[in-house]
């Protein structure tokens, strides 16, 4: 049986932040799948936005621009 890996608080906060970004992307016209794919494809960019202190809404607006 594989050992279950614990995620640190920072990683959990980033995952939650991405979930919020996804909601704003969907509100902006993307499908859930499109939003998820975009976040996955641009994960480094979104990581930078997270650490730069952008809100999920601000990051989604930048991504949709």
PDB file of N, CA and C in Angstrom:
ATOM      1  N   UNK A   1       0.840  -1.174   0.000  1.00  0.00           N
ATOM      2  CA  UNK A   1       0.000   0.000   0.000  1.00  0.00           C
ATOM      3  C   UNK A   1       0.890   1.245   0.000  1.00  0.00           C
ATOM      4  N   UNK A   2       0.570   2.191  -0.853  1.00  0.00           N
ATOM      5  CA  UNK A   2       1.369   3.416  -0.958  1.00  0.00           C
ATOM      6  C   UNK A   2       1.139   4.306   0.257  1.00  0.00           C
ATOM      7  N   UNK A   3       2.204   4.959   0.660  1.00  0.00           N
ATOM      8  CA  UNK A   3       2.125   5.882   1.779  1.00  0.00           C
ATOM      9  C   UNK A   3       1.417   7.156   1.321  1.00  0.00           C
ATOM     10  N   UNK A   4       0.442   7.586   2.075  1.00  0.00           N
ATOM     11  CA  UNK A   4      -0.284   8.806   1.733  1.00  0.00           C
ATOM     12  C   UNK A   4       0.585  10.011   2.086  1.00  0.00           C
ATOM     13  N   UNK A   5       0.778  10.879   1.099  1.00  0.00           N
ATOM     14  CA  UNK A   5       1.626  12.051   1.295  1.00  0.00           C
ATOM     15  C   UNK A   5       0.801  13.213   1.840  1.00  0.00           C
ATOM     16  N   UNK A   6       1.307  13.824   2.886  1.00  0.00           N
ATOM     17  CA  UNK A   6       0.650  14.990   3.485  1.00  0.00           C
ATOM     18  C   UNK A   6       1.091  16.241   2.732  1.00  0.00           C
ATOM     19  N   UNK A   7       0.139  17.119   2.433  1.00  0.00           N
ATOM     20  CA  UNK A   7       0.464  18.383   1.780  1.00  0.00           C
ATOM     21  C   UNK A   7       0.649  19.462   2.837  1.00  0.00           C
ATOM     22  N   UNK A   8       1.637  20.323   2.617  1.00  0.00           N
ATOM     23  CA  UNK A   8       1.863  21.390   3.580  1.00  0.00           C
ATOM     24  C   UNK A   8       0.805  22.491   3.407  1.00  0.00           C
ATOM     25  N   UNK A   9       0.743  23.364   4.375  1.00  0.00           N
ATOM     26  CA  UNK A   9      -0.291  24.405   4.377  1.00  0.00           C
ATOM     27  C   UNK A   9      -0.189  25.332   3.172  1.00  0.00           C
ATOM     28  N   UNK A  10       1.025  25.643   2.759  1.00  0.00           N
ATOM     29  CA  UNK A  10       1.221  26.523   1.607  1.00  0.00           C
ATOM     30  C   UNK A  10       0.676  25.877   0.329  1.00  0.00           C
ATOM     31  N   UNK A  11       0.935  24.591   0.159  1.00  0.00           N
ATOM     32  CA  UNK A  11       0.430  23.878  -1.012  1.00  0.00           C
ATOM     33  C   UNK A  11      -1.091  23.822  -0.983  1.00  0.00           C
ATOM     34  N   UNK A  12      -1.647  23.551   0.182  1.00  0.00           N
ATOM     35  CA  UNK A  12      -3.102  23.522   0.312  1.00  0.00           C
ATOM     36  C   UNK A  12      -3.707  24.890   0.009  1.00  0.00           C
ATOM     37  N   UNK A  13      -3.063  25.960   0.453  1.00  0.00           N
ATOM     38  CA  UNK A  13      -3.542  27.317   0.181  1.00  0.00           C
ATOM     39  C   UNK A  13      -3.499  27.594  -1.319  1.00  0.00           C
ATOM     40  N   UNK A  14      -2.455  27.147  -2.003  1.00  0.00           N
ATOM     41  CA  UNK A  14      -2.347  27.348  -3.442  1.00  0.00           C
ATOM     42  C   UNK A  14      -3.436  26.576  -4.188  1.00  0.00           C
ATOM     43  N   UNK A  15      -3.698  25.362  -3.780  1.00  0.00           N
ATOM     44  CA  UNK A  15      -4.761  24.563  -4.407  1.00  0.00           C
ATOM     45  C   UNK A  15      -6.107  25.257  -4.226  1.00  0.00           C
ATOM     46  N   UNK A  16      -6.371  25.748  -3.035  1.00  0.00           N
ATOM     47  CA  UNK A  16      -7.621  26.466  -2.776  1.00  0.00           C
ATOM     48  C   UNK A  16      -7.700  27.727  -3.633  1.00  0.00           C
ATOM     49  N   UNK A  17      -6.601  28.437  -3.748  1.00  0.00           N
ATOM     50  CA  UNK A  17      -6.531  29.653  -4.567  1.00  0.00           C
ATOM     51  C   UNK A  17      -6.850  29.319  -6.025  1.00  0.00           C
ATOM     52  N   UNK A  18      -6.269  28.233  -6.545  1.00  0.00           N
ATOM     53  CA  UNK A  18      -6.539  27.815  -7.926  1.00  0.00           C
ATOM     54  C   UNK A  18      -8.005  27.437  -8.116  1.00  0.00           C
ATOM     55  N   UNK A  19      -8.611  26.843  -7.112  1.00  0.00           N
ATOM     56  CA  UNK A  19     -10.029  26.504  -7.180  1.00  0.00           C
ATOM     57  C   UNK A  19     -10.864  27.773  -7.311  1.00  0.00           C
ATOM     58  N   UNK A  20     -10.466  28.811  -6.590  1.00  0.00           N
ATOM     59  CA  UNK A  20     -11.171  30.093  -6.681  1.00  0.00           C
ATOM     60  C   UNK A  20     -10.941  30.740  -8.046  1.00  0.00           C
ATOM     61  N   UNK A  21      -9.718  30.671  -8.564  1.00  0.00           N
ATOM     62  CA  UNK A  21      -9.424  31.201  -9.897  1.00  0.00           C
ATOM     63  C   UNK A  21     -10.315  30.510 -10.922  1.00  0.00           C
ATOM     64  N   UNK A  22     -10.435  29.198 -10.805  1.00  0.00           N
ATOM     65  CA  UNK A  22     -11.270  28.419 -11.728  1.00  0.00           C
ATOM     66  C   UNK A  22     -12.694  28.965 -11.761  1.00  0.00           C
ATOM     67  N   UNK A  23     -13.240  29.281 -10.610  1.00  0.00           N
ATOM     68  CA  UNK A  23     -14.611  29.818 -10.549  1.00  0.00           C
ATOM     69  C   UNK A  23     -14.718  31.129 -11.313  1.00  0.00           C
ATOM     70  N   UNK A  24     -13.713  31.995 -11.187  1.00  0.00           N
ATOM     71  CA  UNK A  24     -13.740  33.269 -11.903  1.00  0.00           C
ATOM     72  C   UNK A  24     -13.550  33.069 -13.405  1.00  0.00           C
ATOM     73  N   UNK A  25     -12.748  32.091 -13.798  1.00  0.00           N
ATOM     74  CA  UNK A  25     -12.588  31.804 -15.220  1.00  0.00           C
ATOM     75  C   UNK A  25     -13.897  31.305 -15.821  1.00  0.00           C
ATOM     76  N   UNK A  26     -14.596  30.465 -15.076  1.00  0.00           N
ATOM     77  CA  UNK A  26     -15.895  29.962 -15.539  1.00  0.00           C
ATOM     78  C   UNK A  26     -16.897  31.114 -15.623  1.00  0.00           C
ATOM     79  N   UNK A  27     -16.890  31.983 -14.637  1.00  0.00           N
ATOM     80  CA  UNK A  27     -17.782  33.145 -14.665  1.00  0.00           C
ATOM     81  C   UNK A  27     -17.466  34.049 -15.861  1.00  0.00           C
ATOM     82  N   UNK A  28     -16.207  34.013 -16.320  1.00  0.00           N
ATOM     83  CA  UNK A  28     -15.793  34.815 -17.462  1.00  0.00           C
ATOM     84  C   UNK A  28     -16.079  34.163 -18.800  1.00  0.00           C
ATOM     85  N   UNK A  29     -16.659  32.958 -18.785  1.00  0.00           N
ATOM     86  CA  UNK A  29     -17.082  32.327 -20.030  1.00  0.00           C
ATOM     87  C   UNK A  29     -16.441  30.995 -20.356  1.00  0.00           C
ATOM     88  N   UNK A  30     -15.464  30.567 -19.600  1.00  0.00           N
ATOM     89  CA  UNK A  30     -14.828  29.277 -19.861  1.00  0.00           C
ATOM     90  C   UNK A  30     -15.686  28.150 -19.293  1.00  0.00           C
ATOM     91  N   UNK A  31     -15.532  26.970 -19.877  1.00  0.00           N
ATOM     92  CA  UNK A  31     -16.146  25.796 -19.262  1.00  0.00           C
ATOM     93  C   UNK A  31     -15.243  25.372 -18.102  1.00  0.00           C
ATOM     94  N   UNK A  32     -15.743  24.531 -17.237  1.00  0.00           N
ATOM     95  CA  UNK A  32     -14.928  24.034 -16.124  1.00  0.00           C
ATOM     96  C   UNK A  32     -13.689  23.327 -16.676  1.00  0.00           C
ATOM     97  N   UNK A  33     -13.863  22.511 -17.693  1.00  0.00           N
ATOM     98  CA  UNK A  33     -12.734  21.782 -18.289  1.00  0.00           C
ATOM     99  C   UNK A  33     -11.718  22.741 -18.883  1.00  0.00           C
ATOM    100  N   UNK A  34     -12.193  23.762 -19.601  1.00  0.00           N
ATOM    101  CA  UNK A  34     -11.279  24.758 -20.171  1.00  0.00           C
ATOM    102  C   UNK A  34     -10.499  25.475 -19.074  1.00  0.00           C
ATOM    103  N   UNK A  35     -11.191  25.847 -18.007  1.00  0.00           N
ATOM    104  CA  UNK A  35     -10.546  26.546 -16.903  1.00  0.00           C
ATOM    105  C   UNK A  35      -9.483  25.659 -16.264  1.00  0.00           C
ATOM    106  N   UNK A  36      -9.820  24.408 -16.010  1.00  0.00           N
ATOM    107  CA  UNK A  36      -8.869  23.478 -15.402  1.00  0.00           C
ATOM    108  C   UNK A  36      -7.668  23.244 -16.315  1.00  0.00           C
ATOM    109  N   UNK A  37      -7.938  23.057 -17.603  1.00  0.00           N
ATOM    110  CA  UNK A  37      -6.845  22.845 -18.554  1.00  0.00           C
ATOM    111  C   UNK A  37      -5.928  24.057 -18.609  1.00  0.00           C
ATOM    112  N   UNK A  38      -6.506  25.233 -18.619  1.00  0.00           N
ATOM    113  CA  UNK A  38      -5.708  26.456 -18.693  1.00  0.00           C
ATOM    114  C   UNK A  38      -4.816  26.601 -17.457  1.00  0.00           C
ATOM    115  N   UNK A  39      -5.382  26.348 -16.296  1.00  0.00           N
ATOM    116  CA  UNK A  39      -4.589  26.435 -15.064  1.00  0.00           C
ATOM    117  C   UNK A  39      -3.451  25.412 -15.102  1.00  0.00           C
ATOM    118  N   UNK A  40      -3.752  24.195 -15.536  1.00  0.00           N
ATOM    119  CA  UNK A  40      -2.715  23.164 -15.610  1.00  0.00           C
ATOM    120  C   UNK A  40      -1.622  23.539 -16.609  1.00  0.00           C
ATOM    121  N   UNK A  41      -2.020  24.068 -17.768  1.00  0.00           N
ATOM    122  CA  UNK A  41      -1.058  24.425 -18.808  1.00  0.00           C
ATOM    123  C   UNK A  41      -0.200  25.630 -18.405  1.00  0.00           C
ATOM    124  N   UNK A  42      -0.751  26.511 -17.606  1.00  0.00           N
ATOM    125  CA  UNK A  42      -0.065  27.742 -17.222  1.00  0.00           C
ATOM    126  C   UNK A  42       0.272  27.767 -15.727  1.00  0.00           C
ATOM    127  N   UNK A  43       0.513  26.596 -15.151  1.00  0.00           N
ATOM    128  CA  UNK A  43       0.683  26.496 -13.710  1.00  0.00           C
ATOM    129  C   UNK A  43       1.832  27.360 -13.194  1.00  0.00           C
ATOM    130  N   UNK A  44       2.899  27.491 -13.953  1.00  0.00           N
ATOM    131  CA  UNK A  44       4.009  28.322 -13.486  1.00  0.00           C
ATOM    132  C   UNK A  44       3.587  29.785 -13.401  1.00  0.00           C
ATOM    133  N   UNK A  45       2.833  30.246 -14.395  1.00  0.00           N
ATOM    134  CA  UNK A  45       2.345  31.631 -14.389  1.00  0.00           C
ATOM    135  C   UNK A  45       1.411  31.853 -13.198  1.00  0.00           C
ATOM    136  N   UNK A  46       0.487  30.909 -12.978  1.00  0.00           N
ATOM    137  CA  UNK A  46      -0.442  31.044 -11.858  1.00  0.00           C
ATOM    138  C   UNK A  46       0.296  30.974 -10.517  1.00  0.00           C
ATOM    139  N   UNK A  47       1.326  30.150 -10.432  1.00  0.00           N
ATOM    140  CA  UNK A  47       2.120  30.080  -9.207  1.00  0.00           C
ATOM    141  C   UNK A  47       2.753  31.440  -8.917  1.00  0.00           C
ATOM    142  N   UNK A  48       3.290  32.066  -9.953  1.00  0.00           N
ATOM    143  CA  UNK A  48       3.873  33.404  -9.783  1.00  0.00           C
ATOM    144  C   UNK A  48       2.824  34.398  -9.293  1.00  0.00           C
ATOM    145  N   UNK A  49       1.631  34.335  -9.857  1.00  0.00           N
ATOM    146  CA  UNK A  49       0.575  35.261  -9.464  1.00  0.00           C
ATOM    147  C   UNK A  49       0.185  35.050  -8.001  1.00  0.00           C
ATOM    148  N   UNK A  50       0.137  33.796  -7.589  1.00  0.00           N
ATOM    149  CA  UNK A  50      -0.177  33.455  -6.198  1.00  0.00           C
ATOM    150  C   UNK A  50       0.856  34.065  -5.251  1.00  0.00           C
ATOM    151  N   UNK A  51       2.135  33.865  -5.576  1.00  0.00           N
ATOM    152  CA  UNK A  51       3.189  34.371  -4.702  1.00  0.00           C
ATOM    153  C   UNK A  51       3.359  35.886  -4.807  1.00  0.00           C
ATOM    154  N   UNK A  52       2.882  36.477  -5.906  1.00  0.00           N
ATOM    155  CA  UNK A  52       2.902  37.937  -6.035  1.00  0.00           C
ATOM    156  C   UNK A  52       1.745  38.585  -5.280  1.00  0.00           C
ATOM    157  N   UNK A  53       0.853  37.770  -4.730  1.00  0.00           N
ATOM    158  CA  UNK A  53      -0.219  38.282  -3.893  1.00  0.00           C
ATOM    159  C   UNK A  53      -1.494  38.657  -4.617  1.00  0.00           C
ATOM    160  N   UNK A  54      -1.644  38.250  -5.887  1.00  0.00           N
ATOM    161  CA  UNK A  54      -2.888  38.544  -6.585  1.00  0.00           C
ATOM    162  C   UNK A  54      -4.029  37.739  -5.969  1.00  0.00           C
ATOM    163  N   UNK A  55      -5.191  38.327  -5.976  1.00  0.00           N
ATOM    164  CA  UNK A  55      -6.369  37.588  -5.550  1.00  0.00           C
ATOM    165  C   UNK A  55      -6.744  36.641  -6.683  1.00  0.00           C
ATOM    166  N   UNK A  56      -7.542  35.622  -6.405  1.00  0.00           N
ATOM    167  CA  UNK A  56      -7.992  34.742  -7.482  1.00  0.00           C
ATOM    168  C   UNK A  56      -8.720  35.531  -8.587  1.00  0.00           C
ATOM    169  N   UNK A  57      -9.509  36.517  -8.194  1.00  0.00           N
ATOM    170  CA  UNK A  57     -10.228  37.319  -9.186  1.00  0.00           C
ATOM    171  C   UNK A  57      -9.264  38.097 -10.067  1.00  0.00           C
ATOM    172  N   UNK A  58      -8.249  38.701  -9.465  1.00  0.00           N
ATOM    173  CA  UNK A  58      -7.257  39.455 -10.242  1.00  0.00           C
ATOM    174  C   UNK A  58      -6.504  38.547 -11.201  1.00  0.00           C
ATOM    175  N   UNK A  59      -6.124  37.362 -10.749  1.00  0.00           N
ATOM    176  CA  UNK A  59      -5.405  36.422 -11.602  1.00  0.00           C
ATOM    177  C   UNK A  59      -6.277  35.963 -12.767  1.00  0.00           C
ATOM    178  N   UNK A  60      -7.544  35.708 -12.498  1.00  0.00           N
ATOM    179  CA  UNK A  60      -8.460  35.288 -13.561  1.00  0.00           C
ATOM    180  C   UNK A  60      -8.632  36.408 -14.593  1.00  0.00           C
ATOM    181  N   UNK A  61      -8.758  37.634 -14.124  1.00  0.00           N
ATOM    182  CA  UNK A  61      -8.893  38.764 -15.051  1.00  0.00           C
ATOM    183  C   UNK A  61      -7.662  38.887 -15.936  1.00  0.00           C
ATOM    184  N   UNK A  62      -6.482  38.731 -15.333  1.00  0.00           N
ATOM    185  CA  UNK A  62      -5.240  38.757 -16.121  1.00  0.00           C
ATOM    186  C   UNK A  62      -5.206  37.625 -17.136  1.00  0.00           C
ATOM    187  N   UNK A  63      -5.645  36.450 -16.729  1.00  0.00           N
ATOM    188  CA  UNK A  63      -5.633  35.295 -17.612  1.00  0.00           C
ATOM    189  C   UNK A  63      -6.614  35.460 -18.768  1.00  0.00           C
ATOM    190  N   UNK A  64      -7.725  36.139 -18.520  1.00  0.00           N
ATOM    191  CA  UNK A  64      -8.740  36.346 -19.550  1.00  0.00           C
ATOM    192  C   UNK A  64      -8.437  37.530 -20.460  1.00  0.00           C
ATOM    193  N   UNK A  65      -7.472  38.357 -20.074  1.00  0.00           N
ATOM    194  CA  UNK A  65      -7.161  39.574 -20.853  1.00  0.00           C
ATOM    195  C   UNK A  65      -6.438  39.245 -22.146  1.00  0.00           C
TER     196      UNK A  65
END
